[in-house]
């Protein structure tokens, strides 16, 4: 994978973390990093959910193999 994808992922997590921290008015580093952890786990969960959904669609015969990968 290109470095560009890593930088884009990092920036998405950072921007979402800063926005959520600003809305929740977090003050300490621990709170900030807990928000960052939740954002990261949420995005990973969404990614795995999309891959799982695409695999399910292949198994059900709705889409062809190679739909995502």
Protein backbone atom coordinates (compact mmCIF):
# COMPACT_ATOMS: atom_id res chain seq x y z
CA UNK A 1 0.00 0.00 0.00
CA UNK A 2 1.05 3.52 -0.65
CA UNK A 3 2.10 5.86 2.16
CA UNK A 4 -0.68 8.16 1.03
CA UNK A 5 -3.31 5.79 2.45
CA UNK A 6 -1.58 5.69 5.83
CA UNK A 7 -1.42 9.49 5.99
CA UNK A 8 -5.07 9.84 4.97
CA UNK A 9 -6.11 7.32 7.64
CA UNK A 10 -4.03 9.12 10.25
CA UNK A 11 -5.53 12.49 9.35
CA UNK A 12 -9.09 11.13 9.44
CA UNK A 13 -8.54 9.67 12.92
CA UNK A 14 -6.84 12.85 14.13
CA UNK A 15 -9.54 15.20 12.82
CA UNK A 16 -12.37 13.05 14.20
CA UNK A 17 -10.60 12.81 17.56
CA UNK A 18 -10.09 16.56 17.79
CA UNK A 19 -13.69 17.28 16.81
CA UNK A 20 -15.15 14.80 19.29
CA UNK A 21 -12.80 16.01 22.03
CA UNK A 22 -13.82 19.60 21.37
CA UNK A 23 -17.53 18.74 21.50
CA UNK A 24 -17.14 16.66 24.68
CA UNK A 25 -14.85 19.31 26.24
CA UNK A 26 -12.16 16.81 27.24
CA UNK A 27 -9.38 18.29 29.34
CA UNK A 28 -6.81 15.62 30.14
CA UNK A 29 -4.51 13.59 27.94
CA UNK A 30 -6.09 10.37 29.15
CA UNK A 31 -9.55 11.50 28.00
CA UNK A 32 -8.11 12.61 24.63
CA UNK A 33 -6.39 9.28 24.03
CA UNK A 34 -9.50 7.36 25.09
CA UNK A 35 -11.44 9.29 22.44
CA UNK A 36 -8.69 8.49 19.91
CA UNK A 37 -8.84 4.80 20.82
CA UNK A 38 -12.62 4.73 20.41
CA UNK A 39 -12.42 6.51 17.04
CA UNK A 40 -9.75 4.09 15.82
CA UNK A 41 -11.67 1.02 16.99
CA UNK A 42 -14.85 2.40 15.45
CA UNK A 43 -13.21 2.91 12.06
CA UNK A 44 -11.64 -0.56 12.20
CA UNK A 45 -15.05 -2.00 13.07
CA UNK A 46 -16.66 -0.23 10.13
CA UNK A 47 -13.93 -1.52 7.83
CA UNK A 48 -14.34 -5.11 9.02
CA UNK A 49 -18.10 -4.74 8.75
CA UNK A 50 -17.84 -3.66 5.12
CA UNK A 51 -15.49 -6.52 4.27
CA UNK A 52 -17.80 -8.98 6.04
CA UNK A 53 -20.81 -7.61 4.18
CA UNK A 54 -19.03 -7.96 0.85
CA UNK A 55 -18.07 -11.57 1.67
CA UNK A 56 -21.68 -12.29 2.64
CA UNK A 57 -22.89 -10.85 -0.67
CA UNK A 58 -20.45 -13.13 -2.51
CA UNK A 59 -21.65 -16.20 -0.56
CA UNK A 60 -25.29 -15.34 -1.27
CA UNK A 61 -24.48 -14.95 -4.96
CA UNK A 62 -25.50 -11.30 -5.13
CA UNK A 63 -22.05 -10.06 -6.13
CA UNK A 64 -19.01 -11.60 -7.77
CA UNK A 65 -15.77 -12.54 -6.08
CA UNK A 66 -13.30 -9.67 -6.00
CA UNK A 67 -16.01 -7.17 -5.07
CA UNK A 68 -13.76 -5.56 -2.43
CA UNK A 69 -10.37 -7.26 -2.82
